[in-house]
Amino acid sequence: MTTTSTDAANTAVLRHAMVASQLRTNAVSDARVVTAMATVPREDFIPDTEAALVYRDAALPLGGGRFQNPPLATARLLTEAEIVSQDRVLLIGATTGYTAALIAKLGAKVTAVESDPALAAIARTALAGLPDVEVIEGSLAQGHAAGAPYDVLVIDGAVDELPMALTEQLRVDGRITTGLVERGVTRLAAGRRTAGGQGVQAFVDGECVVLPGFARPAAFRF
C-alpha cells in the first residue's frame, strides 16, 4: 500500500486510538504488547483495505474464507503468552504477517505457519526486513516440527481442539495461547505443555476468527 505523509499521520492517529479504546480498557496489561501494537503499522499487512477498517475491533476478510483476527483478540493472546526476548515462538495462522511482526517486536524468534499460499506470499514480502521471522507454508494443524522445540505456541485464531501434534513441538512447561470453539462460542485460552500433554483453560469469551483444519472428528453414532 502506497502512503503519503498525510496518510501515515492519519493511520498513526487511528493506531493510537485503537490502543487507547480497545487495548488499554480491556486487560491488555503487558506494556510491551501495547507498545508493539502502537508502533507496528497494521495497515501494512492488510492490503487494499481502508485504514479506518483496519483498526476496527473486528475480524477483517482476507479472501479465500480467511480473516485477520480482531486486534483485541491478538493482543489478549500475546499478553497471556508472556513472551520474552529470545523466546522461540511457533505462530499458527500467520495470515499476512501482522502478528508475526508483533512477536518479533517483543524480541522473539518467530516461526510463522500459514496454509494459504497467497497469504503466505504476502507475509513473506511484508516481513522481509525482519531476520528473526521465518514464514512456513504448510498445514496449520501440523505446525513445523523441524524447528522444535519452541518456548511458546501462539494460535492466532480459534480451533475446535488443540492437536497433540502442535503441543509436542513445545518444550515441557512451554506456554500456549489459543482461541477455542466451545459449543459455538469462541473463547481465548492459555496454558502450558505438561510432561503428559497439555493444560489449557479459557480465560475470556471473545470474538476470534476460526481457523481451518482443526475440526473435531465427527462422533460415531449407532
Protein backbone atom coordinates (compact mmCIF):
# COMPACT_ATOMS: atom_id res chain seq x y z
CA MET A 1 0.00 0.00 0.00
CA THR A 2 1.47 3.35 -1.08
CA THR A 3 1.05 6.06 1.54
CA THR A 4 1.72 9.78 1.73
CA SER A 5 2.94 11.60 4.83
CA THR A 6 -0.66 12.70 5.46
CA ASP A 7 -1.88 9.10 5.17
CA ALA A 8 0.82 7.98 7.59
CA ALA A 9 -0.19 10.64 10.09
CA ASN A 10 -3.84 9.65 9.81
CA THR A 11 -3.12 5.96 10.31
CA ALA A 12 -0.92 6.76 13.30
CA VAL A 13 -3.88 8.54 14.87
CA LEU A 14 -6.10 5.52 14.20
CA ARG A 15 -3.47 3.17 15.60
CA HIS A 16 -3.15 5.11 18.84
CA ALA A 17 -6.94 5.34 19.11
CA MET A 18 -7.08 1.54 18.80
CA VAL A 19 -4.59 1.23 21.66
CA ALA A 20 -6.46 3.70 23.85
CA SER A 21 -10.00 2.47 23.26
CA GLN A 22 -9.58 -1.26 22.61
CA LEU A 23 -6.45 -2.43 24.41
CA ARG A 24 -5.94 -0.30 27.50
CA THR A 25 -9.58 -0.71 28.53
CA ASN A 26 -9.63 -4.50 28.11
CA ALA A 27 -6.97 -6.14 30.27
CA VAL A 28 -4.08 -5.87 27.82
CA SER A 29 -1.70 -5.36 30.72
CA ASP A 30 1.67 -6.11 29.11
CA ALA A 31 3.17 -2.71 28.29
CA ARG A 32 5.44 -4.30 25.67
CA VAL A 33 2.43 -5.67 23.78
CA VAL A 34 0.77 -2.26 23.92
CA THR A 35 3.94 -0.60 22.63
CA ALA A 36 4.30 -3.12 19.82
CA MET A 37 0.73 -2.59 18.68
CA ALA A 38 1.16 1.18 18.91
CA THR A 39 4.19 1.09 16.61
CA VAL A 40 3.70 -1.75 14.09
CA PRO A 41 1.55 -0.40 11.21
CA ARG A 42 -1.33 -2.87 10.89
CA GLU A 43 -2.28 -1.37 7.53
CA ASP A 44 0.99 -2.60 6.01
CA PHE A 45 -0.27 -6.17 6.44
CA ILE A 46 -3.88 -5.72 5.29
CA PRO A 47 -3.68 -4.87 1.58
CA ASP A 48 -6.37 -2.93 -0.25
CA THR A 49 -8.33 -2.09 2.90
CA GLU A 50 -9.21 1.37 4.20
CA ALA A 51 -7.20 2.29 7.29
CA ALA A 52 -10.38 3.12 9.20
CA LEU A 53 -11.47 -0.51 8.78
CA VAL A 54 -8.03 -1.93 9.56
CA TYR A 55 -8.11 -0.53 13.09
CA ARG A 56 -11.68 -1.50 13.99
CA ASP A 57 -12.06 -4.20 16.63
CA ALA A 58 -13.44 -6.68 14.14
CA ALA A 59 -12.23 -9.56 12.01
CA LEU A 60 -11.07 -8.45 8.56
CA PRO A 61 -11.71 -10.57 5.45
CA LEU A 62 -8.54 -11.54 3.59
CA GLY A 63 -10.09 -13.65 0.83
CA GLY A 64 -10.42 -17.38 0.42
CA GLY A 65 -12.57 -17.63 3.52
CA ARG A 66 -9.79 -16.40 5.81
CA PHE A 67 -9.86 -13.47 8.22
CA GLN A 68 -7.40 -11.43 10.27
CA ASN A 69 -8.10 -11.73 13.99
CA PRO A 70 -9.52 -8.61 15.69
CA PRO A 71 -6.80 -6.50 17.36
CA LEU A 72 -8.10 -7.18 20.86
CA ALA A 73 -8.08 -10.96 20.41
CA THR A 74 -4.48 -10.90 19.20
CA ALA A 75 -3.46 -8.53 22.00
CA ARG A 76 -5.01 -10.72 24.69
CA LEU A 77 -3.35 -13.85 23.27
CA LEU A 78 0.06 -12.16 23.19
CA THR A 79 -0.38 -10.77 26.70
CA GLU A 80 -1.18 -14.20 28.13
CA ALA A 81 1.72 -15.76 26.18
CA GLU A 82 4.20 -13.79 28.33
CA ILE A 83 6.74 -13.70 25.50
CA VAL A 84 10.25 -12.62 26.47
CA SER A 85 13.31 -11.73 24.43
CA GLN A 86 14.89 -14.68 22.61
CA ASP A 87 11.87 -16.95 23.09
CA ARG A 88 11.35 -19.27 20.14
CA VAL A 89 7.71 -18.86 19.16
CA LEU A 90 5.62 -21.08 16.90
CA LEU A 91 2.82 -18.96 15.43
CA ILE A 92 -0.09 -20.80 13.83
CA GLY A 93 -2.35 -18.87 11.46
CA ALA A 94 0.15 -16.25 10.31
CA THR A 95 -2.14 -14.88 7.57
CA THR A 96 -0.35 -11.81 6.13
CA GLY A 97 2.27 -11.49 8.87
CA TYR A 98 0.95 -8.85 11.28
CA THR A 99 1.05 -10.98 14.43
CA ALA A 100 4.49 -12.33 13.49
CA ALA A 101 5.74 -8.74 13.28
CA LEU A 102 4.32 -8.01 16.74
CA ILE A 103 6.01 -11.07 18.23
CA ALA A 104 9.31 -10.10 16.60
CA LYS A 105 8.89 -6.63 18.12
CA LEU A 106 8.79 -8.36 21.52
CA GLY A 107 12.27 -9.71 20.81
CA ALA A 108 11.34 -13.30 19.98
CA LYS A 109 12.36 -15.55 17.11
CA VAL A 110 9.23 -16.48 15.16
CA THR A 111 8.32 -19.46 13.02
CA ALA A 112 5.06 -18.39 11.38
CA VAL A 113 2.97 -21.12 9.74
CA GLU A 114 0.35 -20.28 7.11
CA SER A 115 -1.57 -22.78 4.96
CA ASP A 116 -2.87 -20.36 2.32
CA PRO A 117 -0.22 -19.83 -0.39
CA ALA A 118 -1.41 -16.32 -1.29
CA LEU A 119 -1.41 -15.17 2.34
CA ALA A 120 1.98 -16.76 2.97
CA ALA A 121 3.41 -14.88 -0.03
CA ILE A 122 2.09 -11.56 1.31
CA ALA A 123 3.55 -12.35 4.73
CA ARG A 124 6.98 -13.13 3.29
CA THR A 125 7.05 -9.83 1.45
CA ALA A 126 5.78 -7.81 4.41
CA LEU A 127 8.22 -9.46 6.83
CA ALA A 128 11.25 -9.49 4.54
CA GLY A 129 13.15 -6.96 6.66
CA LEU A 130 12.81 -8.96 9.88
CA PRO A 131 15.64 -11.51 10.19
CA ASP A 132 14.11 -13.33 13.17
CA VAL A 133 10.90 -14.30 11.36
CA GLU A 134 10.54 -17.35 9.14
CA VAL A 135 7.31 -17.93 7.21
CA ILE A 136 6.45 -21.57 6.59
CA GLU A 137 3.74 -22.54 4.11
CA GLY A 138 2.07 -25.69 5.38
CA SER A 139 -0.65 -27.31 7.43
CA LEU A 140 -1.73 -25.22 10.41
CA ALA A 141 -2.56 -28.33 12.43
CA GLN A 142 0.87 -29.86 11.80
CA GLY A 143 2.95 -26.79 12.63
CA HIS A 144 6.67 -27.03 11.87
CA ALA A 145 8.26 -29.89 13.78
CA ALA A 146 11.62 -29.32 12.08
CA GLY A 147 12.09 -26.17 14.17
CA ALA A 148 11.08 -27.70 17.51
CA PRO A 149 11.30 -27.41 20.43
CA TYR A 150 9.66 -24.00 20.85
CA ASP A 151 9.19 -21.98 24.03
CA VAL A 152 5.76 -20.61 23.12
CA LEU A 153 2.85 -21.69 20.91
CA VAL A 154 0.52 -18.91 19.76
CA ILE A 155 -2.51 -19.90 17.70
CA ASP A 156 -3.91 -16.63 16.34
CA GLY A 157 -7.43 -17.91 15.90
CA ALA A 158 -9.90 -20.39 17.33
CA VAL A 159 -9.74 -24.17 16.96
CA ASP A 160 -12.19 -26.95 17.82
CA GLU A 161 -9.43 -28.85 19.56
CA LEU A 162 -5.71 -28.39 20.12
CA PRO A 163 -3.79 -31.17 18.34
CA MET A 164 -1.07 -33.01 20.22
CA ALA A 165 0.99 -32.65 17.03
CA LEU A 166 1.34 -28.95 17.91
CA THR A 167 1.71 -29.34 21.67
CA GLU A 168 4.51 -31.86 21.22
CA GLN A 169 6.55 -29.22 19.39
CA LEU A 170 6.78 -27.23 22.64
CA ARG A 171 9.32 -27.83 25.38
CA VAL A 172 7.82 -29.14 28.61
CA ASP A 173 6.34 -26.16 30.51
CA GLY A 174 6.23 -24.18 27.27
CA ARG A 175 3.43 -21.62 27.10
CA ILE A 176 0.30 -21.93 24.94
CA THR A 177 -2.28 -19.34 23.92
CA THR A 178 -5.12 -20.06 21.53
CA GLY A 179 -8.72 -19.43 20.68
CA LEU A 180 -11.13 -22.29 21.34
CA VAL A 181 -14.54 -23.05 19.86
CA GLU A 182 -16.78 -24.46 22.58
CA ARG A 183 -20.47 -25.10 21.83
CA GLY A 184 -20.44 -22.49 19.11
CA VAL A 185 -18.81 -19.82 21.30
CA THR A 186 -15.25 -18.59 20.76
CA ARG A 187 -13.10 -18.20 23.85
CA LEU A 188 -9.48 -17.22 24.42
CA ALA A 189 -7.41 -19.70 26.40
CA ALA A 190 -3.93 -20.09 27.85
CA GLY A 191 -1.90 -22.84 29.45
CA ARG A 192 1.29 -24.88 29.28
CA ARG A 193 2.64 -28.10 27.93
CA THR A 194 2.97 -30.71 30.64
CA ALA A 195 5.02 -33.88 30.75
CA GLY A 196 1.86 -35.83 29.94
CA GLY A 197 0.22 -33.49 27.45
CA GLN A 198 -1.24 -30.03 27.94
CA GLY A 199 -3.23 -27.95 30.37
CA VAL A 200 -5.19 -25.14 28.71
CA GLN A 201 -8.03 -23.13 30.24
CA ALA A 202 -10.27 -20.42 28.77
CA PHE A 203 -9.86 -17.02 30.38
CA VAL A 204 -12.42 -14.92 28.49
CA ASP A 205 -15.17 -15.18 25.87
CA GLY A 206 -14.44 -13.03 22.85
CA GLU A 207 -14.57 -12.65 19.09
CA CYS A 208 -11.87 -14.75 17.49
CA VAL A 209 -11.60 -16.00 13.91
CA VAL A 210 -11.99 -19.74 13.39
CA LEU A 211 -9.01 -21.36 11.68
CA PRO A 212 -9.40 -24.10 9.04
CA GLY A 213 -8.09 -27.60 9.51
CA PHE A 214 -8.91 -28.12 13.18
CA ALA A 215 -12.42 -29.57 13.02
CA ARG A 216 -13.11 -32.17 15.68
CA PRO A 217 -13.79 -35.59 14.09
CA ALA A 218 -17.48 -36.41 13.98
CA ALA A 219 -18.54 -38.73 16.79
CA PHE A 220 -19.61 -42.21 15.71
CA ARG A 221 -23.30 -42.84 16.27
CA PHE A 222 -25.08 -46.18 16.23
